[in-house]
Every structure is written in C-alpha cells, then in structure tokens.
N, C-alpha and C. Protein backbone atom coordinates (compact mmCIF):
# COMPACT_ATOMS: atom_id res chain seq x y z
N MET A 1 137.58 112.99 32.00
CA MET A 1 136.90 111.73 32.29
C MET A 1 135.65 111.63 31.36
N ASN A 2 134.99 112.77 31.15
CA ASN A 2 133.96 112.56 30.35
C ASN A 2 134.08 112.25 28.97
N ASN A 3 135.23 112.63 28.35
CA ASN A 3 135.72 112.16 27.00
C ASN A 3 136.00 110.73 27.06
N HIS A 4 136.71 110.17 28.16
CA HIS A 4 136.97 108.81 28.34
C HIS A 4 135.86 108.00 28.35
N THR A 5 134.67 108.46 29.19
CA THR A 5 133.47 107.74 29.28
C THR A 5 132.93 107.62 27.94
N SER A 6 132.76 108.72 27.07
CA SER A 6 132.18 108.51 25.86
C SER A 6 132.90 107.66 24.94
N ALA A 7 134.33 107.65 24.93
CA ALA A 7 135.13 106.84 24.17
C ALA A 7 134.80 105.17 24.44
N VAL A 8 134.64 104.83 25.82
CA VAL A 8 134.42 103.57 26.28
C VAL A 8 133.07 103.18 25.77
N ARG A 9 132.13 103.95 25.89
CA ARG A 9 130.59 103.76 25.37
C ARG A 9 130.68 103.52 23.86
N SER A 10 131.43 104.36 23.16
CA SER A 10 131.50 104.17 21.65
C SER A 10 132.20 102.88 21.39
N ARG A 11 133.35 102.53 22.13
CA ARG A 11 133.72 101.30 21.76
C ARG A 11 133.03 100.01 22.00
N SER A 12 132.11 100.03 23.10
CA SER A 12 131.31 98.95 23.67
C SER A 12 130.25 98.82 22.73
N SER A 13 129.72 99.83 22.17
CA SER A 13 128.27 99.89 21.38
C SER A 13 128.95 99.44 20.00
N LYS A 14 130.22 99.91 19.57
CA LYS A 14 130.72 99.45 18.33
C LYS A 14 130.88 97.72 18.35
N THR A 15 131.34 97.46 19.49
CA THR A 15 131.66 95.93 19.43
C THR A 15 130.32 95.25 19.65
N ALA A 16 129.20 95.56 20.36
CA ALA A 16 127.97 95.07 20.30
C ALA A 16 127.36 94.92 18.99
N SER A 17 127.59 96.10 18.15
CA SER A 17 126.89 95.99 16.87
C SER A 17 127.50 95.13 15.85
N SER A 18 128.91 94.77 16.08
CA SER A 18 129.50 93.76 15.15
C SER A 18 129.80 92.51 15.91
N ALA A 19 128.85 92.14 16.59
CA ALA A 19 128.97 90.77 17.28
C ALA A 19 129.29 89.57 16.34
N VAL A 20 130.16 88.65 16.86
CA VAL A 20 130.23 87.57 15.99
C VAL A 20 129.24 86.46 16.12
N SER A 21 128.93 85.89 14.98
CA SER A 21 127.71 84.77 15.05
C SER A 21 127.98 83.67 15.92
N PRO A 22 127.18 82.96 16.34
CA PRO A 22 127.37 81.82 17.27
C PRO A 22 128.29 80.83 16.49
N LEU A 23 129.04 79.95 17.27
CA LEU A 23 129.72 78.87 16.67
C LEU A 23 128.99 77.79 15.99
N ARG A 24 129.47 77.20 14.98
CA ARG A 24 128.73 76.37 14.02
C ARG A 24 129.12 74.96 14.59
N ILE A 25 129.79 74.68 15.42
CA ILE A 25 130.27 73.34 15.91
C ILE A 25 129.33 73.09 17.13
N SER A 26 128.92 71.59 16.88
CA SER A 26 127.97 71.23 17.85
C SER A 26 128.64 71.10 19.27
N ASP A 27 127.78 71.12 20.17
CA ASP A 27 128.21 70.88 21.64
C ASP A 27 128.75 69.41 21.87
N GLU A 28 128.28 68.51 21.16
CA GLU A 28 128.89 67.11 21.35
C GLU A 28 130.20 67.11 20.78
N THR A 29 130.50 67.49 19.55
CA THR A 29 131.76 67.50 18.81
C THR A 29 132.73 68.32 19.79
N LEU A 30 132.37 69.56 20.18
CA LEU A 30 133.24 70.37 21.13
C LEU A 30 133.51 69.67 22.51
N SER A 31 132.73 68.87 22.88
CA SER A 31 132.89 68.18 24.16
C SER A 31 133.84 67.09 24.00
N ARG A 32 133.64 66.39 22.88
CA ARG A 32 134.46 65.03 22.49
C ARG A 32 135.86 65.60 22.09
N LEU A 33 136.09 66.71 21.48
CA LEU A 33 137.52 67.20 21.19
C LEU A 33 138.07 67.58 22.35
N THR A 34 137.20 68.23 23.29
CA THR A 34 137.87 68.74 24.48
C THR A 34 138.43 67.55 25.53
N ALA A 35 137.70 66.59 25.43
CA ALA A 35 138.24 65.18 26.15
C ALA A 35 139.63 64.75 25.57
N VAL A 36 139.57 64.87 24.27
CA VAL A 36 140.76 64.31 23.56
C VAL A 36 142.02 65.13 23.88
N PHE A 37 141.73 66.65 23.69
CA PHE A 37 142.86 67.44 24.05
C PHE A 37 143.33 67.60 25.51
N LYS A 38 142.27 67.20 26.30
CA LYS A 38 142.73 67.24 27.85
C LYS A 38 143.63 66.08 28.04
N LEU A 39 143.38 64.96 27.43
CA LEU A 39 144.19 63.77 27.69
C LEU A 39 145.55 63.88 26.91
N LEU A 40 145.74 64.67 25.70
CA LEU A 40 146.91 64.89 25.14
C LEU A 40 147.57 66.07 25.76
N ALA A 41 147.12 66.66 26.80
CA ALA A 41 147.73 67.81 27.45
C ALA A 41 148.75 67.10 28.60
N ASP A 42 148.49 65.74 28.99
CA ASP A 42 149.53 65.17 29.84
C ASP A 42 150.59 64.81 29.01
N PRO A 43 151.88 64.96 29.47
CA PRO A 43 153.11 64.74 28.87
C PRO A 43 153.32 63.11 28.49
N SER A 44 152.87 62.41 29.48
CA SER A 44 152.89 60.93 29.34
C SER A 44 152.11 60.38 28.22
N ARG A 45 151.00 60.83 28.21
CA ARG A 45 149.96 60.42 27.22
C ARG A 45 150.44 60.80 25.80
N LEU A 46 150.76 62.00 25.89
CA LEU A 46 151.40 62.73 24.49
C LEU A 46 152.54 61.88 23.89
N LYS A 47 153.56 61.47 25.05
CA LYS A 47 154.58 60.62 24.52
C LYS A 47 154.18 59.25 24.03
N ILE A 48 153.08 58.63 24.63
CA ILE A 48 152.43 57.44 24.13
C ILE A 48 152.02 57.69 22.67
N VAL A 49 151.38 58.67 22.39
CA VAL A 49 150.72 58.93 21.03
C VAL A 49 151.85 59.19 19.97
N LEU A 50 152.88 59.82 20.42
CA LEU A 50 154.15 60.09 19.54
C LEU A 50 154.67 58.66 19.26
N ALA A 51 155.07 57.87 20.37
CA ALA A 51 155.72 56.54 20.15
C ALA A 51 154.81 55.79 19.16
N LEU A 52 153.54 55.67 19.46
CA LEU A 52 152.59 54.76 18.54
C LEU A 52 152.59 55.35 17.08
N ALA A 53 152.61 56.72 17.09
CA ALA A 53 152.69 57.14 15.66
C ALA A 53 153.99 56.74 14.88
N GLN A 54 155.06 56.80 15.69
CA GLN A 54 156.36 56.40 15.10
C GLN A 54 156.55 54.93 14.73
N GLN A 55 156.00 54.16 15.72
CA GLN A 55 156.31 52.65 15.81
C GLN A 55 155.10 52.06 15.04
N GLY A 56 153.85 52.51 15.39
CA GLY A 56 152.71 51.75 14.79
C GLY A 56 152.13 50.97 15.74
N GLU A 57 152.61 50.08 16.59
CA GLU A 57 152.24 49.27 17.60
C GLU A 57 153.14 48.93 18.52
N LEU A 58 152.89 49.00 19.77
CA LEU A 58 153.75 48.68 20.73
C LEU A 58 153.17 47.99 21.91
N HIS A 59 154.08 47.00 22.61
CA HIS A 59 153.53 46.29 23.75
C HIS A 59 153.59 47.33 24.99
N VAL A 60 152.89 46.90 25.89
CA VAL A 60 152.80 47.70 27.19
C VAL A 60 154.22 47.85 27.90
N SER A 61 154.99 46.83 27.82
CA SER A 61 156.34 46.93 28.40
C SER A 61 157.27 47.87 27.67
N ALA A 62 157.03 47.99 26.45
CA ALA A 62 157.85 48.90 25.62
C ALA A 62 157.48 50.32 26.05
N LEU A 63 156.18 50.54 26.26
CA LEU A 63 155.80 51.89 26.57
C LEU A 63 156.12 52.22 27.99
N CYS A 64 156.24 51.20 28.91
CA CYS A 64 156.81 51.30 30.24
C CYS A 64 158.27 51.84 30.28
N ASP A 65 159.04 51.17 29.48
CA ASP A 65 160.46 51.45 29.32
C ASP A 65 160.55 52.93 28.83
N LEU A 66 159.89 53.18 27.70
CA LEU A 66 159.94 54.62 27.23
C LEU A 66 159.62 55.59 28.19
N LEU A 67 158.58 55.55 28.98
CA LEU A 67 158.14 56.47 29.83
C LEU A 67 158.94 56.36 31.06
N GLY A 68 159.57 55.38 31.45
CA GLY A 68 160.10 55.13 32.79
C GLY A 68 159.14 54.98 33.82
N GLN A 69 157.88 54.24 33.65
CA GLN A 69 156.84 54.29 34.49
C GLN A 69 156.48 52.84 34.77
N SER A 70 155.84 52.67 35.80
CA SER A 70 155.29 51.28 36.20
C SER A 70 154.24 50.83 35.21
N GLN A 71 153.99 49.40 35.09
CA GLN A 71 152.90 48.89 34.20
C GLN A 71 151.58 49.39 34.77
N PRO A 72 151.36 49.44 35.85
CA PRO A 72 149.90 49.87 36.34
C PRO A 72 149.58 51.34 35.91
N ALA A 73 150.66 52.31 35.95
CA ALA A 73 150.61 53.70 35.36
C ALA A 73 150.31 53.81 34.03
N VAL A 74 151.18 52.95 33.26
CA VAL A 74 151.09 53.11 31.75
C VAL A 74 149.55 52.52 31.28
N SER A 75 149.23 51.48 32.06
CA SER A 75 147.95 50.85 31.71
C SER A 75 146.85 51.81 31.97
N HIS A 76 147.14 52.74 33.00
CA HIS A 76 145.98 53.55 33.48
C HIS A 76 145.88 54.78 32.27
N HIS A 77 147.07 55.21 31.80
CA HIS A 77 146.88 56.07 30.68
C HIS A 77 146.36 55.41 29.47
N LEU A 78 146.65 54.17 29.17
CA LEU A 78 146.10 53.68 28.01
C LEU A 78 144.77 53.40 28.23
N THR A 79 144.28 53.09 29.28
CA THR A 79 142.68 52.86 29.54
C THR A 79 142.16 54.31 29.39
N LEU A 80 142.54 55.34 29.73
CA LEU A 80 141.86 56.62 29.77
C LEU A 80 141.87 56.89 28.03
N MET A 81 142.81 56.67 27.47
CA MET A 81 142.92 56.95 26.09
C MET A 81 142.04 56.07 25.16
N ARG A 82 141.93 54.90 25.71
CA ARG A 82 141.01 54.00 24.97
C ARG A 82 139.52 54.48 25.09
N MET A 83 139.13 54.86 26.37
CA MET A 83 137.85 55.34 26.52
C MET A 83 137.40 56.59 25.65
N VAL A 84 138.37 57.34 25.12
CA VAL A 84 137.90 58.51 24.24
C VAL A 84 138.25 58.02 22.74
N GLY A 85 138.71 57.02 22.59
CA GLY A 85 138.95 56.42 21.26
C GLY A 85 140.40 56.82 20.61
N LEU A 86 141.32 57.24 21.55
CA LEU A 86 142.56 57.62 20.88
C LEU A 86 143.42 56.30 20.50
N VAL A 87 143.31 55.31 21.18
CA VAL A 87 144.06 54.06 21.00
C VAL A 87 143.10 52.90 21.04
N GLY A 88 143.63 51.88 20.42
CA GLY A 88 143.10 50.48 20.19
C GLY A 88 143.99 49.60 20.74
N PHE A 89 143.63 48.35 20.91
CA PHE A 89 144.60 47.24 21.22
C PHE A 89 144.10 45.91 20.47
N ARG A 90 145.28 45.13 20.30
CA ARG A 90 144.80 43.67 20.06
C ARG A 90 145.71 42.81 20.99
N ARG A 91 145.04 41.64 21.33
CA ARG A 91 145.36 40.78 22.35
C ARG A 91 146.11 39.54 21.56
N GLU A 92 147.26 39.23 22.17
CA GLU A 92 148.05 38.14 21.58
C GLU A 92 148.40 37.43 22.79
N GLY A 93 147.91 36.20 23.10
CA GLY A 93 148.22 35.50 24.24
C GLY A 93 147.88 36.46 25.52
N LYS A 94 148.74 36.58 26.37
CA LYS A 94 148.67 37.34 27.65
C LYS A 94 149.07 38.67 27.40
N HIS A 95 149.46 39.23 26.16
CA HIS A 95 149.99 40.40 25.91
C HIS A 95 148.95 41.34 25.14
N ASN A 96 149.02 42.53 25.39
CA ASN A 96 148.27 43.55 24.67
C ASN A 96 149.25 44.54 23.96
N TYR A 97 148.84 44.67 22.60
CA TYR A 97 149.79 45.51 21.73
C TYR A 97 148.79 46.87 21.43
N TYR A 98 149.33 47.86 21.67
CA TYR A 98 148.55 49.09 21.29
C TYR A 98 149.02 49.82 20.11
N HIS A 99 147.75 50.48 19.53
CA HIS A 99 147.98 51.18 18.38
C HIS A 99 147.11 52.48 18.29
N LEU A 100 147.44 53.62 17.47
CA LEU A 100 146.56 54.57 17.34
C LEU A 100 145.08 54.21 16.74
N ALA A 101 144.28 54.68 17.32
CA ALA A 101 142.87 54.42 16.78
C ALA A 101 142.42 55.67 15.95
N SER A 102 142.64 55.59 14.80
CA SER A 102 142.45 56.87 13.97
C SER A 102 140.98 57.21 13.71
N ALA A 103 139.94 56.27 13.64
CA ALA A 103 138.75 56.58 13.23
C ALA A 103 138.05 57.61 14.05
N HIS A 104 138.09 57.54 15.33
CA HIS A 104 137.41 58.50 16.31
C HIS A 104 138.06 59.94 16.14
N VAL A 105 139.22 60.11 16.23
CA VAL A 105 140.05 61.25 16.03
C VAL A 105 139.81 61.90 14.57
N ARG A 106 139.82 61.14 13.63
CA ARG A 106 139.74 61.40 12.17
C ARG A 106 138.29 62.09 12.01
N ASP A 107 137.21 61.34 12.50
CA ASP A 107 135.94 61.79 12.50
C ASP A 107 135.63 63.25 13.23
N LEU A 108 136.35 63.26 14.56
CA LEU A 108 136.08 64.55 15.36
C LEU A 108 136.90 65.78 14.40
N LEU A 109 138.07 65.42 14.00
CA LEU A 109 138.67 66.54 13.23
C LEU A 109 138.07 66.87 11.95
N GLU A 110 137.50 65.91 11.15
CA GLU A 110 136.75 66.16 10.10
C GLU A 110 135.63 67.07 10.38
N GLN A 111 134.91 66.73 11.51
CA GLN A 111 133.73 67.55 11.80
C GLN A 111 134.02 69.05 12.28
N PHE A 112 135.29 69.02 12.98
CA PHE A 112 135.68 70.35 13.56
C PHE A 112 136.08 71.16 12.14
N PHE A 113 136.83 70.58 11.28
CA PHE A 113 137.35 71.50 10.06
C PHE A 113 136.05 71.81 9.20
N ALA A 114 135.07 71.04 9.06
CA ALA A 114 134.00 71.22 8.30
C ALA A 114 133.04 72.40 8.90
N ASP A 115 133.10 72.53 10.27
CA ASP A 115 132.41 73.46 10.93
C ASP A 115 133.33 74.74 10.90
N ALA A 116 134.54 74.68 11.24
CA ALA A 116 135.30 75.85 11.47
C ALA A 116 135.99 76.22 10.26
N GLY A 117 136.11 75.71 9.28
CA GLY A 117 136.81 75.94 8.08
C GLY A 117 136.00 76.45 6.88
N ASN A 118 134.79 76.73 6.97
CA ASN A 118 133.91 77.26 6.21
C ASN A 118 133.86 76.15 4.88
N GLY A 119 133.74 75.06 5.28
CA GLY A 119 133.71 73.83 4.35
C GLY A 119 134.94 73.60 3.56
N GLN A 120 136.05 74.17 3.86
CA GLN A 120 137.30 74.27 2.95
C GLN A 120 138.35 73.11 3.61
N LYS A 121 137.93 72.70 4.81
CA LYS A 121 138.78 71.95 5.62
C LYS A 121 140.32 72.66 5.98
N THR A 122 140.32 73.86 5.94
CA THR A 122 141.49 74.69 6.34
C THR A 122 141.23 75.70 7.35
N ILE A 123 142.12 76.05 8.13
CA ILE A 123 141.91 77.22 9.04
C ILE A 123 143.19 77.94 8.92
N HIS A 124 142.89 79.40 8.62
CA HIS A 124 144.10 80.24 8.29
C HIS A 124 144.34 80.99 9.53
N TRP A 125 145.54 81.09 9.91
CA TRP A 125 146.09 82.07 10.90
C TRP A 125 146.90 83.18 10.18
N ASP A 126 147.31 83.98 10.81
CA ASP A 126 148.31 85.15 10.20
C ASP A 126 149.38 84.53 9.42
N ASP A 127 150.17 83.57 9.96
CA ASP A 127 151.59 83.27 9.36
C ASP A 127 151.44 81.68 8.91
N PHE A 128 150.24 80.95 9.09
CA PHE A 128 150.24 79.47 8.58
C PHE A 128 148.89 79.16 8.39
N THR A 129 148.79 78.07 7.63
CA THR A 129 147.45 77.38 7.47
C THR A 129 147.51 76.01 7.86
N LEU A 130 146.53 75.67 8.43
CA LEU A 130 146.17 74.11 9.01
C LEU A 130 145.07 73.48 8.24
N SER A 131 145.52 72.43 7.52
CA SER A 131 144.46 71.80 6.82
C SER A 131 144.23 70.24 7.12
N PHE A 132 143.10 69.74 6.80
CA PHE A 132 142.80 68.39 7.08
C PHE A 132 142.42 67.69 5.73
N LYS A 133 143.19 66.74 5.62
CA LYS A 133 142.91 65.76 4.29
C LYS A 133 142.68 64.32 4.63
N ARG A 134 141.71 63.71 4.27
CA ARG A 134 141.50 62.37 4.53
C ARG A 134 142.19 61.36 3.42
N LYS A 135 142.81 60.44 3.72
CA LYS A 135 143.33 59.38 2.71
C LYS A 135 142.28 58.87 1.91
C-alpha cells in the first residue's frame, strides 16, 4: 500500500507541475458555439440544416414533408435556429423560404479556429486534420 500511495502522489504532483494553460477562447464565443451545437444535436434540426445545405432554400411545407412533422413543429425548430443565427428567411407573399445563414456560424468558427488552432485555422487529431477556410 505504501508503494501505491507514493506512486499516486508522484503521478498527481507530476500532473500538477505540467498543468495545461487556460483556454484561449472567450467565454462569449464558447457560449455561442455551445448554443449552436446544442441545436444541431437534435436530429430534426440537423436534417433541416442538411436539407438547406443541399437545396439552398426551402419553403416550410417542403421541410414539413421532409421531416414528417407538422407545420407548427417545423416552425418551432426554425425559430430556434433563427435565434442563434443558423438560418435566415425571405418572405414572398404569405410564404417564408428558409436558407442557411452563414455569417454567424462562419464568424464563430473563424474565432474558434483562430483561438484553438494556434493561428493556423487547423486542428490536428491523431488520424485527421480539420481546417477552416473562408471563401
């Protein structure tokens, strides 16, 4: 037991001496990204984003058909997504047509990569690299 205790102490003191520096991402950016990712964690909202990415712009009724959900349910998803800047819309007569609103997400990801990627806009994992490039 004594050897085990000293090994544990040794490990914990080693961990404490090689502590990681604080995150360089602002609390605001982290909070805004969390809100976006929470919304995207819902399968219906993720389907909406993918459909809008593929089609460019869709009427609410097309999204209702795609999701197999009522108009009020789809409108609720779209309202939540509009509130965090994921989608935008244009009104034509009585109809709303939705599209991905890239500015907000682009700015958040640009800030995230600038903070996390050591200024290179890339994040490296063991077996792949994720990068961000603005058009």
